[in-house]
Amino acid sequence: MNEQAERHQGEDTGRDEEAVSRFVERFAAELTEAGMQRMAARVFAALLASDSGALTSAELSERLRISPAAVSGAIRYLVQVNMVRREREPGTRRDRYRLFNELWYETLGRRDHMLTRWEDVLREGAKSLGPDTPAGARVAETVAFFEFMQDELARMLDRWREHRDKQLRGEG
């Protein structure tokens, strides 16, 4: 769906585009406060607020009133941290940037893989530092924390799927 069609669709639903813009900027500010790059946060929030969950660089530039170069840098970051994927618009040379279908589930699932890689490196580090040294004990505790986090995250994501499925079936 192009920018104009999406804007028109928003008008048809009675959506206040100024309120949507304020939401995008407010959520982006929260993401920035949490450590995300400012422009990446704005692009992510704009994608999240779009009905299609996908926009082109030109649509993002227009919506956020930023340069194509700013969009490009933000997208590069969001793709790198697996929050957005790039896809080619059929029959064109333009890319669309799309949120993952189960955005938060997928994002947290990918973090799980990152934690596994960190655990492996930290385990080696704990061995190298020696378990009887303060540094070795600190690194070993970090490994134990990540192991705990992974176990809890896996269970939480399973519970989320069950909860979401019940909601979709109208049971909860």
C-alpha atoms as a PDB file:
ATOM      1  CA  MET A   1       0.000   0.000   0.000  1.00  0.00           C
ATOM      2  CA  ASN A   2       1.510   3.367  -0.872  1.00  0.00           C
ATOM      3  CA  GLU A   3       1.774   6.387   1.432  1.00  0.00           C
ATOM      4  CA  GLN A   4      -1.195   8.172  -0.076  1.00  0.00           C
ATOM      5  CA  ALA A   5      -3.422   5.089   0.129  1.00  0.00           C
ATOM      6  CA  GLU A   6      -2.362   4.498   3.724  1.00  0.00           C
ATOM      7  CA  ARG A   7      -3.040   8.117   4.624  1.00  0.00           C
ATOM      8  CA  HIS A   8      -6.454   7.829   2.979  1.00  0.00           C
ATOM      9  CA  GLN A   9      -7.131   4.591   4.833  1.00  0.00           C
ATOM     10  CA  GLY A  10      -6.258   6.318   8.097  1.00  0.00           C
ATOM     11  CA  GLU A  11      -8.729   9.095   7.281  1.00  0.00           C
ATOM     12  CA  ASP A  12     -11.428   6.516   6.522  1.00  0.00           C
ATOM     13  CA  THR A  13     -11.017   4.989   9.976  1.00  0.00           C
ATOM     14  CA  GLY A  14     -11.206   8.391  11.610  1.00  0.00           C
ATOM     15  CA  ARG A  15      -7.571   8.198  12.634  1.00  0.00           C
ATOM     16  CA  ASP A  16      -6.129  11.510  13.784  1.00  0.00           C
ATOM     17  CA  GLU A  17      -2.847  11.672  11.861  1.00  0.00           C
ATOM     18  CA  GLU A  18      -1.457  14.318  14.246  1.00  0.00           C
ATOM     19  CA  ALA A  19      -2.139  11.996  17.180  1.00  0.00           C
ATOM     20  CA  VAL A  20      -0.442   9.155  15.282  1.00  0.00           C
ATOM     21  CA  SER A  21       2.573  11.389  14.651  1.00  0.00           C
ATOM     22  CA  ARG A  22       2.731  12.318  18.344  1.00  0.00           C
ATOM     23  CA  PHE A  23       2.581   8.613  19.261  1.00  0.00           C
ATOM     24  CA  VAL A  24       5.433   7.819  16.842  1.00  0.00           C
ATOM     25  CA  GLU A  25       7.618  10.574  18.284  1.00  0.00           C
ATOM     26  CA  ARG A  26       6.771   9.698  21.888  1.00  0.00           C
ATOM     27  CA  PHE A  27       7.473   5.980  21.440  1.00  0.00           C
ATOM     28  CA  ALA A  28      10.672   6.813  19.532  1.00  0.00           C
ATOM     29  CA  ALA A  29      11.762   9.011  22.440  1.00  0.00           C
ATOM     30  CA  GLU A  30      11.181   6.099  24.840  1.00  0.00           C
ATOM     31  CA  LEU A  31      13.203   3.753  22.613  1.00  0.00           C
ATOM     32  CA  THR A  32      15.982   6.348  22.401  1.00  0.00           C
ATOM     33  CA  GLU A  33      15.968   6.733  26.186  1.00  0.00           C
ATOM     34  CA  ALA A  34      16.381   2.932  26.392  1.00  0.00           C
ATOM     35  CA  GLY A  35      19.487   3.114  24.196  1.00  0.00           C
ATOM     36  CA  MET A  36      18.319   2.780  20.593  1.00  0.00           C
ATOM     37  CA  GLN A  37      19.736   5.200  18.028  1.00  0.00           C
ATOM     38  CA  ARG A  38      17.375   8.173  17.634  1.00  0.00           C
ATOM     39  CA  MET A  39      16.698   7.888  13.898  1.00  0.00           C
ATOM     40  CA  ALA A  40      16.351   4.100  14.083  1.00  0.00           C
ATOM     41  CA  ALA A  41      13.817   4.553  16.889  1.00  0.00           C
ATOM     42  CA  ARG A  42      11.779   6.997  14.788  1.00  0.00           C
ATOM     43  CA  VAL A  43      11.823   4.702  11.733  1.00  0.00           C
ATOM     44  CA  PHE A  44      10.881   1.687  13.838  1.00  0.00           C
ATOM     45  CA  ALA A  45       8.002   3.554  15.511  1.00  0.00           C
ATOM     46  CA  ALA A  46       6.743   4.752  12.098  1.00  0.00           C
ATOM     47  CA  LEU A  47       6.749   1.186  10.775  1.00  0.00           C
ATOM     48  CA  LEU A  48       4.984  -0.028  13.901  1.00  0.00           C
ATOM     49  CA  ALA A  49       2.295   2.654  13.474  1.00  0.00           C
ATOM     50  CA  SER A  50       1.697   1.893   9.774  1.00  0.00           C
ATOM     51  CA  ASP A  51      -1.245  -0.382   9.005  1.00  0.00           C
ATOM     52  CA  SER A  52       0.819  -2.475   6.596  1.00  0.00           C
ATOM     53  CA  GLY A  53       3.884  -2.730   8.852  1.00  0.00           C
ATOM     54  CA  ALA A  54       5.974  -1.970   5.752  1.00  0.00           C
ATOM     55  CA  LEU A  55       7.057   1.269   4.094  1.00  0.00           C
ATOM     56  CA  THR A  56       9.517   2.367   1.429  1.00  0.00           C
ATOM     57  CA  SER A  57      12.372   4.751   2.059  1.00  0.00           C
ATOM     58  CA  ALA A  58      10.434   7.542   0.322  1.00  0.00           C
ATOM     59  CA  GLU A  59       7.367   6.893   2.491  1.00  0.00           C
ATOM     60  CA  LEU A  60       9.476   6.933   5.655  1.00  0.00           C
ATOM     61  CA  SER A  61      11.235  10.119   4.542  1.00  0.00           C
ATOM     62  CA  GLU A  62       7.922  11.838   3.899  1.00  0.00           C
ATOM     63  CA  ARG A  63       6.254  10.576   7.064  1.00  0.00           C
ATOM     64  CA  LEU A  64       9.110  11.489   9.369  1.00  0.00           C
ATOM     65  CA  ARG A  65      10.335  14.530   7.387  1.00  0.00           C
ATOM     66  CA  ILE A  66      13.878  13.164   7.260  1.00  0.00           C
ATOM     67  CA  SER A  67      16.381  12.655   4.473  1.00  0.00           C
ATOM     68  CA  PRO A  68      16.718   9.394   2.532  1.00  0.00           C
ATOM     69  CA  ALA A  69      20.253   9.126   3.945  1.00  0.00           C
ATOM     70  CA  ALA A  70      18.852   9.242   7.491  1.00  0.00           C
ATOM     71  CA  VAL A  71      16.354   6.511   6.580  1.00  0.00           C
ATOM     72  CA  SER A  72      19.138   4.409   5.080  1.00  0.00           C
ATOM     73  CA  GLY A  73      21.293   4.610   8.201  1.00  0.00           C
ATOM     74  CA  ALA A  74      18.351   3.809  10.466  1.00  0.00           C
ATOM     75  CA  ILE A  75      17.306   0.844   8.327  1.00  0.00           C
ATOM     76  CA  ARG A  76      20.863  -0.491   8.242  1.00  0.00           C
ATOM     77  CA  TYR A  77      20.864  -0.511  12.066  1.00  0.00           C
ATOM     78  CA  LEU A  78      17.353  -2.040  12.356  1.00  0.00           C
ATOM     79  CA  VAL A  79      18.213  -4.806   9.875  1.00  0.00           C
ATOM     80  CA  GLN A  80      21.487  -5.501  11.707  1.00  0.00           C
ATOM     81  CA  VAL A  81      19.676  -5.941  15.042  1.00  0.00           C
ATOM     82  CA  ASN A  82      16.955  -8.069  13.366  1.00  0.00           C
ATOM     83  CA  MET A  83      14.031  -5.736  14.037  1.00  0.00           C
ATOM     84  CA  VAL A  84      13.208  -5.054  10.383  1.00  0.00           C
ATOM     85  CA  ARG A  85      13.694  -6.934   7.148  1.00  0.00           C
ATOM     86  CA  ARG A  86      14.317  -5.567   3.693  1.00  0.00           C
ATOM     87  CA  GLU A  87      12.281  -6.882   0.772  1.00  0.00           C
ATOM     88  CA  ARG A  88      12.117  -5.929  -2.878  1.00  0.00           C
ATOM     89  CA  GLU A  89       8.832  -4.477  -4.141  1.00  0.00           C
ATOM     90  CA  PRO A  90       7.705  -6.798  -6.957  1.00  0.00           C
ATOM     91  CA  GLY A  91       8.299  -5.301 -10.387  1.00  0.00           C
ATOM     92  CA  THR A  92      10.334  -2.357  -9.088  1.00  0.00           C
ATOM     93  CA  ARG A  93      13.818  -1.550  -7.958  1.00  0.00           C
ATOM     94  CA  ARG A  94      12.520  -0.167  -4.662  1.00  0.00           C
ATOM     95  CA  ASP A  95      12.947  -1.833  -1.325  1.00  0.00           C
ATOM     96  CA  ARG A  96      10.247  -1.997   1.335  1.00  0.00           C
ATOM     97  CA  TYR A  97      11.161  -2.264   4.955  1.00  0.00           C
ATOM     98  CA  ARG A  98       8.905  -4.575   6.928  1.00  0.00           C
ATOM     99  CA  LEU A  99       8.470  -5.497  10.564  1.00  0.00           C
ATOM    100  CA  PHE A 100       8.620  -9.199  11.330  1.00  0.00           C
ATOM    101  CA  ASN A 101       5.185 -10.845  11.670  1.00  0.00           C
ATOM    102  CA  GLU A 102       5.448 -11.722  15.346  1.00  0.00           C
ATOM    103  CA  LEU A 103       7.705  -8.773  15.982  1.00  0.00           C
ATOM    104  CA  TRP A 104       8.449  -9.035  19.698  1.00  0.00           C
ATOM    105  CA  TYR A 105       8.414 -12.824  19.755  1.00  0.00           C
ATOM    106  CA  GLU A 106      10.887 -12.950  16.874  1.00  0.00           C
ATOM    107  CA  THR A 107      13.066 -10.191  18.319  1.00  0.00           C
ATOM    108  CA  LEU A 108      13.299 -11.873  21.707  1.00  0.00           C
ATOM    109  CA  GLY A 109      13.874 -15.244  20.040  1.00  0.00           C
ATOM    110  CA  ARG A 110      16.849 -13.807  18.194  1.00  0.00           C
ATOM    111  CA  ARG A 111      18.180 -12.365  21.438  1.00  0.00           C
ATOM    112  CA  ASP A 112      18.114 -15.929  22.773  1.00  0.00           C
ATOM    113  CA  HIS A 113      20.614 -16.947  20.077  1.00  0.00           C
ATOM    114  CA  MET A 114      22.786 -13.951  20.911  1.00  0.00           C
ATOM    115  CA  LEU A 115      22.799 -14.954  24.587  1.00  0.00           C
ATOM    116  CA  THR A 116      23.953 -18.450  23.599  1.00  0.00           C
ATOM    117  CA  ARG A 117      26.911 -16.992  21.701  1.00  0.00           C
ATOM    118  CA  TRP A 118      27.763 -14.725  24.629  1.00  0.00           C
ATOM    119  CA  GLU A 119      27.563 -17.681  27.014  1.00  0.00           C
ATOM    120  CA  ASP A 120      30.074 -19.634  24.941  1.00  0.00           C
ATOM    121  CA  VAL A 121      32.574 -16.777  24.963  1.00  0.00           C
ATOM    122  CA  LEU A 122      32.000 -16.059  28.645  1.00  0.00           C
ATOM    123  CA  ARG A 123      32.455 -19.733  29.562  1.00  0.00           C
ATOM    124  CA  GLU A 124      35.855 -19.668  27.840  1.00  0.00           C
ATOM    125  CA  GLY A 125      36.650 -16.414  29.614  1.00  0.00           C
ATOM    126  CA  ALA A 126      35.773 -17.856  33.020  1.00  0.00           C
ATOM    127  CA  LYS A 127      38.116 -20.788  32.337  1.00  0.00           C
ATOM    128  CA  SER A 128      40.909 -18.496  31.175  1.00  0.00           C
ATOM    129  CA  LEU A 129      40.530 -16.211  34.168  1.00  0.00           C
ATOM    130  CA  GLY A 130      40.355 -19.111  36.595  1.00  0.00           C
ATOM    131  CA  PRO A 131      37.388 -19.971  38.809  1.00  0.00           C
ATOM    132  CA  ASP A 132      39.246 -18.953  41.980  1.00  0.00           C
ATOM    133  CA  THR A 133      39.881 -15.380  40.863  1.00  0.00           C
ATOM    134  CA  PRO A 134      37.442 -12.512  41.441  1.00  0.00           C
ATOM    135  CA  ALA A 135      37.244 -11.871  37.681  1.00  0.00           C
ATOM    136  CA  GLY A 136      36.692 -15.562  36.924  1.00  0.00           C
ATOM    137  CA  ALA A 137      33.923 -15.779  39.538  1.00  0.00           C
ATOM    138  CA  ARG A 138      32.267 -12.641  38.142  1.00  0.00           C
ATOM    139  CA  VAL A 139      32.335 -14.012  34.586  1.00  0.00           C
ATOM    140  CA  ALA A 140      31.077 -17.429  35.779  1.00  0.00           C
ATOM    141  CA  GLU A 141      28.168 -15.676  37.523  1.00  0.00           C
ATOM    142  CA  THR A 142      27.399 -13.853  34.277  1.00  0.00           C
ATOM    143  CA  VAL A 143      27.261 -17.223  32.478  1.00  0.00           C
ATOM    144  CA  ALA A 144      24.890 -18.561  35.129  1.00  0.00           C
ATOM    145  CA  PHE A 145      22.699 -15.460  34.774  1.00  0.00           C
ATOM    146  CA  PHE A 146      22.495 -15.833  30.975  1.00  0.00           C
ATOM    147  CA  GLU A 147      21.662 -19.537  31.334  1.00  0.00           C
ATOM    148  CA  PHE A 148      18.866 -18.612  33.722  1.00  0.00           C
ATOM    149  CA  MET A 149      17.636 -15.858  31.386  1.00  0.00           C
ATOM    150  CA  GLN A 150      17.536 -18.214  28.412  1.00  0.00           C
ATOM    151  CA  ASP A 151      15.557 -20.807  30.319  1.00  0.00           C
ATOM    152  CA  GLU A 152      13.073 -18.204  31.572  1.00  0.00           C
ATOM    153  CA  LEU A 153      12.833 -16.527  28.154  1.00  0.00           C
ATOM    154  CA  ALA A 154      12.023 -19.829  26.444  1.00  0.00           C
ATOM    155  CA  ARG A 155       9.270 -20.569  28.957  1.00  0.00           C
ATOM    156  CA  MET A 156       7.919 -17.041  28.734  1.00  0.00           C
ATOM    157  CA  LEU A 157       7.763 -17.155  24.929  1.00  0.00           C
ATOM    158  CA  ASP A 158       5.909 -20.488  25.107  1.00  0.00           C
ATOM    159  CA  ARG A 159       3.423 -18.965  27.542  1.00  0.00           C
ATOM    160  CA  TRP A 160       3.020 -15.956  25.255  1.00  0.00           C
ATOM    161  CA  ARG A 161       2.104 -18.192  22.293  1.00  0.00           C
ATOM    162  CA  GLU A 162      -0.458 -20.046  24.402  1.00  0.00           C
ATOM    163  CA  HIS A 163      -1.927 -16.759  25.643  1.00  0.00           C
ATOM    164  CA  ARG A 164      -2.055 -15.254  22.142  1.00  0.00           C
ATOM    165  CA  ASP A 165      -3.630 -18.399  20.669  1.00  0.00           C
ATOM    166  CA  LYS A 166      -6.350 -18.339  23.350  1.00  0.00           C
ATOM    167  CA  GLN A 167      -7.063 -14.702  22.534  1.00  0.00           C
ATOM    168  CA  LEU A 168      -7.287 -15.477  18.824  1.00  0.00           C
ATOM    169  CA  ARG A 169      -9.747 -18.286  19.563  1.00  0.00           C
ATOM    170  CA  GLY A 170     -11.770 -15.888  21.730  1.00  0.00           C
ATOM    171  CA  GLU A 171     -11.110 -17.805  24.925  1.00  0.00           C
ATOM    172  CA  GLY A 172      -9.395 -15.145  26.900  1.00  0.00           C
END
